[in-house]
Amino acid sequence: MTSQSPQPSFPAYGTLQGAIDRLGQTLAELAAALQPFPFFYGSEVIRALEIDTPEGYPDRGCVVFCPDGRFYELDIGLIPAPTDVGGVDGVELFRDLDLPPQEYFAYASLAMRAVVARLTAQGLVPDH
């Protein structure tokens, strides 16, 4: 979620926003602990984990969780390049995702599972 989201006016909204903020901080801390952060599908420059669309939510394209602990839509395109470097070059465009609270929690759960699985594989989190 971003500050551009509409600000509902119900009594527990502050509590909900606080939970989202704390979860975002937790995700950022977990991402920082994952060293090195994985490369995106064989890329040598993009560090990101693709997060599948949570069940019951709309497809938002290629959603990635990045080392800064945030979610983005990633578009990868090709542009012409000199023939001595293959004739094409890749361009990556990261777009901020402004997710509603329930969708943010769903993506955050999937990202947390992915990061904790990698931290467990590195021996940094007990596997029990």
N, C-alpha and C. Protein backbone atom coordinates (compact mmCIF):
# COMPACT_ATOMS: atom_id res chain seq x y z
N MET A 1 0.84 -1.18 0.00
CA MET A 1 0.00 0.00 0.00
C MET A 1 0.88 1.23 0.00
N THR A 2 0.37 2.29 -0.54
CA THR A 2 1.11 3.53 -0.54
C THR A 2 0.26 4.63 0.05
N SER A 3 0.85 5.78 0.23
CA SER A 3 0.13 6.91 0.79
C SER A 3 -0.91 7.45 -0.17
N GLN A 4 -0.91 6.98 -1.43
CA GLN A 4 -1.89 7.44 -2.40
C GLN A 4 -3.21 6.71 -2.26
N SER A 5 -3.27 5.67 -1.41
CA SER A 5 -4.50 4.94 -1.21
C SER A 5 -5.53 5.83 -0.55
N PRO A 6 -6.82 5.61 -0.87
CA PRO A 6 -7.85 6.38 -0.19
C PRO A 6 -7.80 6.10 1.31
N GLN A 7 -8.09 7.08 2.11
CA GLN A 7 -8.04 6.93 3.55
C GLN A 7 -9.45 6.72 4.09
N PRO A 8 -9.86 5.47 4.31
CA PRO A 8 -11.20 5.21 4.83
C PRO A 8 -11.34 5.82 6.23
N SER A 9 -12.57 6.10 6.56
CA SER A 9 -12.80 6.67 7.88
C SER A 9 -13.65 5.71 8.71
N PHE A 10 -13.01 4.73 9.30
CA PHE A 10 -13.66 3.87 10.26
C PHE A 10 -12.72 3.75 11.45
N PRO A 11 -13.27 3.47 12.62
CA PRO A 11 -12.46 3.55 13.85
C PRO A 11 -11.18 2.73 13.85
N ALA A 12 -11.19 1.54 13.27
CA ALA A 12 -10.01 0.67 13.35
C ALA A 12 -9.04 0.87 12.19
N TYR A 13 -9.26 1.88 11.34
CA TYR A 13 -8.38 2.06 10.19
C TYR A 13 -6.93 2.30 10.63
N GLY A 14 -6.75 3.06 11.67
CA GLY A 14 -5.39 3.29 12.17
C GLY A 14 -4.71 1.99 12.59
N THR A 15 -5.47 1.10 13.21
CA THR A 15 -4.94 -0.21 13.61
C THR A 15 -4.56 -1.02 12.38
N LEU A 16 -5.42 -1.02 11.37
CA LEU A 16 -5.14 -1.74 10.14
C LEU A 16 -3.90 -1.19 9.46
N GLN A 17 -3.80 0.12 9.34
CA GLN A 17 -2.64 0.74 8.71
C GLN A 17 -1.37 0.46 9.50
N GLY A 18 -1.48 0.45 10.83
CA GLY A 18 -0.33 0.12 11.68
C GLY A 18 0.14 -1.30 11.44
N ALA A 19 -0.80 -2.23 11.29
CA ALA A 19 -0.44 -3.63 11.02
C ALA A 19 0.27 -3.75 9.68
N ILE A 20 -0.22 -3.04 8.68
CA ILE A 20 0.42 -3.06 7.36
C ILE A 20 1.83 -2.48 7.45
N ASP A 21 1.98 -1.39 8.17
CA ASP A 21 3.31 -0.77 8.32
C ASP A 21 4.27 -1.72 9.03
N ARG A 22 3.81 -2.37 10.10
CA ARG A 22 4.67 -3.31 10.84
C ARG A 22 5.04 -4.51 9.97
N LEU A 23 4.06 -5.02 9.21
CA LEU A 23 4.34 -6.14 8.33
C LEU A 23 5.34 -5.73 7.25
N GLY A 24 5.19 -4.54 6.70
CA GLY A 24 6.15 -4.04 5.72
C GLY A 24 7.55 -3.94 6.29
N GLN A 25 7.66 -3.49 7.53
CA GLN A 25 8.98 -3.40 8.20
C GLN A 25 9.56 -4.80 8.40
N THR A 26 8.72 -5.74 8.81
CA THR A 26 9.18 -7.12 8.99
C THR A 26 9.68 -7.70 7.67
N LEU A 27 8.94 -7.47 6.60
CA LEU A 27 9.36 -7.97 5.29
C LEU A 27 10.69 -7.35 4.87
N ALA A 28 10.86 -6.06 5.13
CA ALA A 28 12.12 -5.38 4.79
C ALA A 28 13.28 -5.98 5.58
N GLU A 29 13.06 -6.27 6.86
CA GLU A 29 14.11 -6.87 7.69
C GLU A 29 14.46 -8.28 7.21
N LEU A 30 13.45 -9.06 6.86
CA LEU A 30 13.71 -10.41 6.34
C LEU A 30 14.45 -10.34 5.01
N ALA A 31 14.05 -9.43 4.15
CA ALA A 31 14.74 -9.27 2.86
C ALA A 31 16.20 -8.90 3.07
N ALA A 32 16.47 -8.03 4.04
CA ALA A 32 17.85 -7.62 4.33
C ALA A 32 18.67 -8.79 4.86
N ALA A 33 18.02 -9.73 5.55
CA ALA A 33 18.74 -10.89 6.09
C ALA A 33 19.08 -11.90 5.02
N LEU A 34 18.39 -11.85 3.90
CA LEU A 34 18.61 -12.81 2.82
C LEU A 34 19.77 -12.33 1.96
N GLN A 35 20.97 -12.80 2.32
CA GLN A 35 22.19 -12.38 1.64
C GLN A 35 22.90 -13.59 1.05
N PRO A 36 23.14 -13.61 -0.20
CA PRO A 36 22.72 -12.61 -1.17
C PRO A 36 21.25 -12.79 -1.54
N PHE A 37 20.60 -11.70 -1.90
CA PHE A 37 19.22 -11.78 -2.36
C PHE A 37 19.24 -12.45 -3.73
N PRO A 38 18.32 -13.38 -3.99
CA PRO A 38 18.38 -14.15 -5.23
C PRO A 38 18.20 -13.30 -6.49
N PHE A 39 18.86 -13.76 -7.55
CA PHE A 39 18.66 -13.17 -8.86
C PHE A 39 17.33 -13.66 -9.43
N PHE A 40 16.73 -12.84 -10.26
CA PHE A 40 15.45 -13.16 -10.88
C PHE A 40 15.69 -14.07 -12.07
N TYR A 41 15.27 -15.32 -11.98
CA TYR A 41 15.30 -16.29 -13.08
C TYR A 41 16.51 -16.19 -13.99
N GLY A 42 17.68 -16.36 -13.45
CA GLY A 42 18.88 -16.39 -14.26
C GLY A 42 19.44 -15.04 -14.67
N SER A 43 18.78 -13.97 -14.28
CA SER A 43 19.29 -12.64 -14.58
C SER A 43 20.61 -12.43 -13.83
N GLU A 44 21.45 -11.63 -14.40
CA GLU A 44 22.69 -11.29 -13.72
C GLU A 44 22.64 -9.90 -13.10
N VAL A 45 21.47 -9.22 -13.25
CA VAL A 45 21.36 -7.87 -12.72
C VAL A 45 20.12 -7.64 -11.86
N ILE A 46 19.05 -8.40 -12.09
CA ILE A 46 17.81 -8.18 -11.35
C ILE A 46 17.76 -9.10 -10.14
N ARG A 47 17.67 -8.49 -8.98
CA ARG A 47 17.51 -9.26 -7.74
C ARG A 47 16.06 -9.10 -7.30
N ALA A 48 15.30 -10.19 -7.41
CA ALA A 48 13.88 -10.15 -7.08
C ALA A 48 13.34 -11.58 -7.01
N LEU A 49 12.32 -11.76 -6.20
CA LEU A 49 11.60 -13.02 -6.13
C LEU A 49 10.23 -12.82 -6.75
N GLU A 50 9.87 -13.65 -7.73
CA GLU A 50 8.54 -13.55 -8.29
C GLU A 50 7.55 -14.14 -7.28
N ILE A 51 6.44 -13.43 -7.09
CA ILE A 51 5.40 -13.88 -6.17
C ILE A 51 4.17 -14.18 -7.01
N ASP A 52 3.72 -15.41 -6.94
CA ASP A 52 2.53 -15.81 -7.70
C ASP A 52 1.32 -15.03 -7.21
N THR A 53 0.35 -14.89 -8.09
CA THR A 53 -0.90 -14.22 -7.72
C THR A 53 -1.61 -15.05 -6.65
N PRO A 54 -1.93 -14.42 -5.52
CA PRO A 54 -2.67 -15.17 -4.49
C PRO A 54 -4.02 -15.63 -5.03
N GLU A 55 -4.44 -16.79 -4.59
CA GLU A 55 -5.72 -17.34 -5.04
C GLU A 55 -6.85 -16.39 -4.71
N GLY A 56 -7.70 -16.15 -5.72
CA GLY A 56 -8.86 -15.30 -5.52
C GLY A 56 -8.63 -13.83 -5.81
N TYR A 57 -7.42 -13.47 -6.24
CA TYR A 57 -7.11 -12.07 -6.53
C TYR A 57 -6.81 -11.91 -8.02
N PRO A 58 -6.95 -10.68 -8.54
CA PRO A 58 -6.71 -10.46 -9.97
C PRO A 58 -5.23 -10.59 -10.32
N ASP A 59 -4.98 -11.03 -11.55
CA ASP A 59 -3.61 -11.13 -12.05
C ASP A 59 -3.07 -9.72 -12.25
N ARG A 60 -1.93 -9.43 -11.65
CA ARG A 60 -1.31 -8.11 -11.76
C ARG A 60 -0.03 -8.16 -12.58
N GLY A 61 0.11 -9.18 -13.41
CA GLY A 61 1.33 -9.30 -14.20
C GLY A 61 2.41 -9.98 -13.38
N CYS A 62 3.64 -9.65 -13.65
CA CYS A 62 4.77 -10.24 -12.94
C CYS A 62 5.03 -9.43 -11.67
N VAL A 63 4.55 -9.94 -10.55
CA VAL A 63 4.75 -9.27 -9.26
C VAL A 63 6.00 -9.83 -8.62
N VAL A 64 6.88 -8.93 -8.20
CA VAL A 64 8.13 -9.34 -7.57
C VAL A 64 8.28 -8.69 -6.21
N PHE A 65 8.98 -9.41 -5.34
CA PHE A 65 9.36 -8.91 -4.03
C PHE A 65 10.85 -8.62 -4.12
N CYS A 66 11.24 -7.41 -3.74
CA CYS A 66 12.62 -6.96 -3.97
C CYS A 66 13.39 -6.78 -2.67
N PRO A 67 14.70 -6.61 -2.77
CA PRO A 67 15.54 -6.48 -1.57
C PRO A 67 15.14 -5.33 -0.63
N ASP A 68 14.40 -4.35 -1.13
CA ASP A 68 13.95 -3.26 -0.25
C ASP A 68 12.70 -3.64 0.55
N GLY A 69 12.21 -4.89 0.36
CA GLY A 69 11.06 -5.36 1.11
C GLY A 69 9.73 -4.91 0.55
N ARG A 70 9.72 -4.46 -0.70
CA ARG A 70 8.49 -3.96 -1.31
C ARG A 70 8.11 -4.79 -2.53
N PHE A 71 6.86 -4.61 -2.95
CA PHE A 71 6.32 -5.32 -4.10
C PHE A 71 6.26 -4.38 -5.30
N TYR A 72 6.59 -4.95 -6.46
CA TYR A 72 6.56 -4.19 -7.71
C TYR A 72 5.99 -5.07 -8.80
N GLU A 73 5.45 -4.43 -9.84
CA GLU A 73 5.16 -5.13 -11.07
C GLU A 73 6.39 -4.95 -11.94
N LEU A 74 6.92 -6.05 -12.45
CA LEU A 74 8.13 -6.01 -13.26
C LEU A 74 7.77 -6.26 -14.72
N ASP A 75 8.17 -5.32 -15.57
CA ASP A 75 8.05 -5.49 -17.01
C ASP A 75 9.45 -5.57 -17.58
N ILE A 76 9.69 -6.60 -18.37
CA ILE A 76 10.98 -6.75 -19.03
C ILE A 76 10.74 -6.66 -20.52
N GLY A 77 11.43 -5.73 -21.15
CA GLY A 77 11.27 -5.55 -22.58
C GLY A 77 12.60 -5.62 -23.30
N LEU A 78 12.54 -5.63 -24.60
CA LEU A 78 13.75 -5.65 -25.42
C LEU A 78 13.79 -4.38 -26.25
N ILE A 79 15.00 -3.85 -26.39
CA ILE A 79 15.21 -2.69 -27.24
C ILE A 79 16.37 -2.99 -28.19
N PRO A 80 16.40 -2.32 -29.32
CA PRO A 80 17.51 -2.54 -30.25
C PRO A 80 18.85 -2.14 -29.60
N ALA A 81 19.86 -2.90 -29.94
CA ALA A 81 21.20 -2.63 -29.43
C ALA A 81 22.20 -2.94 -30.54
N PRO A 82 23.44 -2.52 -30.37
CA PRO A 82 24.45 -2.83 -31.39
C PRO A 82 24.56 -4.34 -31.63
N THR A 83 24.84 -4.71 -32.85
CA THR A 83 24.92 -6.12 -33.19
C THR A 83 26.07 -6.83 -32.48
N ASP A 84 27.12 -6.09 -32.10
CA ASP A 84 28.24 -6.74 -31.42
C ASP A 84 27.87 -7.18 -30.00
N VAL A 85 26.71 -6.76 -29.49
CA VAL A 85 26.24 -7.23 -28.18
C VAL A 85 24.95 -8.03 -28.34
N GLY A 86 24.71 -8.54 -29.54
CA GLY A 86 23.57 -9.42 -29.75
C GLY A 86 22.39 -8.80 -30.46
N GLY A 87 22.42 -7.51 -30.72
CA GLY A 87 21.35 -6.87 -31.46
C GLY A 87 20.16 -6.43 -30.63
N VAL A 88 20.06 -6.92 -29.41
CA VAL A 88 18.99 -6.49 -28.51
C VAL A 88 19.54 -6.35 -27.10
N ASP A 89 18.87 -5.53 -26.32
CA ASP A 89 19.24 -5.36 -24.92
C ASP A 89 17.96 -5.38 -24.10
N GLY A 90 18.06 -5.85 -22.89
CA GLY A 90 16.90 -5.92 -22.01
C GLY A 90 16.71 -4.63 -21.23
N VAL A 91 15.46 -4.29 -21.00
CA VAL A 91 15.11 -3.12 -20.20
C VAL A 91 14.13 -3.59 -19.13
N GLU A 92 14.43 -3.22 -17.88
CA GLU A 92 13.56 -3.61 -16.78
C GLU A 92 12.85 -2.37 -16.26
N LEU A 93 11.55 -2.50 -16.06
CA LEU A 93 10.76 -1.41 -15.52
C LEU A 93 10.01 -1.94 -14.29
N PHE A 94 10.30 -1.33 -13.14
CA PHE A 94 9.63 -1.70 -11.90
C PHE A 94 8.57 -0.66 -11.59
N ARG A 95 7.31 -1.11 -11.44
CA ARG A 95 6.22 -0.20 -11.08
C ARG A 95 5.76 -0.52 -9.67
N ASP A 96 5.66 0.53 -8.83
CA ASP A 96 5.13 0.35 -7.48
C ASP A 96 3.73 -0.24 -7.56
N LEU A 97 3.44 -1.15 -6.64
CA LEU A 97 2.09 -1.69 -6.55
C LEU A 97 1.37 -1.03 -5.39
N ASP A 98 0.20 -0.53 -5.64
CA ASP A 98 -0.64 0.06 -4.62
C ASP A 98 -1.75 -0.94 -4.33
N LEU A 99 -1.50 -1.82 -3.39
CA LEU A 99 -2.41 -2.93 -3.11
C LEU A 99 -3.39 -2.57 -2.00
N PRO A 100 -4.65 -2.98 -2.15
CA PRO A 100 -5.59 -2.81 -1.03
C PRO A 100 -5.15 -3.71 0.13
N PRO A 101 -5.55 -3.39 1.36
CA PRO A 101 -5.06 -4.12 2.53
C PRO A 101 -5.17 -5.64 2.43
N GLN A 102 -6.31 -6.18 2.06
CA GLN A 102 -6.46 -7.64 2.05
C GLN A 102 -5.53 -8.28 1.02
N GLU A 103 -5.30 -7.60 -0.10
CA GLU A 103 -4.40 -8.14 -1.12
C GLU A 103 -2.94 -8.01 -0.68
N TYR A 104 -2.62 -6.91 0.00
CA TYR A 104 -1.26 -6.74 0.53
C TYR A 104 -0.93 -7.88 1.49
N PHE A 105 -1.87 -8.19 2.39
CA PHE A 105 -1.64 -9.28 3.34
C PHE A 105 -1.43 -10.61 2.62
N ALA A 106 -2.20 -10.86 1.55
CA ALA A 106 -2.05 -12.11 0.80
C ALA A 106 -0.68 -12.19 0.13
N TYR A 107 -0.25 -11.12 -0.53
CA TYR A 107 1.08 -11.11 -1.16
C TYR A 107 2.18 -11.19 -0.10
N ALA A 108 2.00 -10.48 1.01
CA ALA A 108 3.01 -10.49 2.07
C ALA A 108 3.19 -11.89 2.64
N SER A 109 2.11 -12.63 2.80
CA SER A 109 2.19 -13.99 3.30
C SER A 109 3.02 -14.87 2.37
N LEU A 110 2.77 -14.75 1.08
CA LEU A 110 3.53 -15.53 0.09
C LEU A 110 5.00 -15.13 0.07
N ALA A 111 5.26 -13.83 0.15
CA ALA A 111 6.65 -13.36 0.15
C ALA A 111 7.38 -13.84 1.40
N MET A 112 6.70 -13.76 2.55
CA MET A 112 7.33 -14.19 3.79
C MET A 112 7.67 -15.68 3.73
N ARG A 113 6.77 -16.48 3.19
CA ARG A 113 7.05 -17.92 3.05
C ARG A 113 8.27 -18.15 2.16
N ALA A 114 8.35 -17.43 1.04
CA ALA A 114 9.47 -17.61 0.11
C ALA A 114 10.79 -17.21 0.75
N VAL A 115 10.79 -16.09 1.46
CA VAL A 115 12.03 -15.62 2.09
C VAL A 115 12.44 -16.55 3.23
N VAL A 116 11.49 -16.95 4.07
CA VAL A 116 11.81 -17.84 5.19
C VAL A 116 12.31 -19.19 4.68
N ALA A 117 11.75 -19.69 3.58
CA ALA A 117 12.25 -20.95 3.00
C ALA A 117 13.71 -20.81 2.59
N ARG A 118 14.06 -19.68 2.00
CA ARG A 118 15.46 -19.47 1.59
C ARG A 118 16.38 -19.28 2.80
N LEU A 119 15.89 -18.56 3.81
CA LEU A 119 16.69 -18.39 5.03
C LEU A 119 16.88 -19.73 5.74
N THR A 120 15.87 -20.59 5.70
CA THR A 120 15.97 -21.93 6.28
C THR A 120 17.01 -22.74 5.52
N ALA A 121 16.96 -22.66 4.18
CA ALA A 121 17.93 -23.39 3.35
C ALA A 121 19.36 -22.93 3.62
N GLN A 122 19.53 -21.67 3.99
CA GLN A 122 20.85 -21.13 4.32
C GLN A 122 21.26 -21.47 5.76
N GLY A 123 20.37 -22.13 6.50
CA GLY A 123 20.67 -22.48 7.88
C GLY A 123 20.49 -21.34 8.87
N LEU A 124 19.83 -20.27 8.45
CA LEU A 124 19.65 -19.11 9.31
C LEU A 124 18.37 -19.17 10.13
N VAL A 125 17.45 -20.06 9.73
CA VAL A 125 16.20 -20.26 10.45
C VAL A 125 16.08 -21.74 10.73
N PRO A 126 15.77 -22.13 11.98
CA PRO A 126 15.63 -23.56 12.29
C PRO A 126 14.53 -24.22 11.44
N ASP A 127 14.78 -25.44 11.04
CA ASP A 127 13.82 -26.18 10.23
C ASP A 127 13.09 -27.20 11.12
N HIS A 128 12.16 -26.70 11.92
CA HIS A 128 11.35 -27.60 12.76
C HIS A 128 10.05 -26.99 13.10
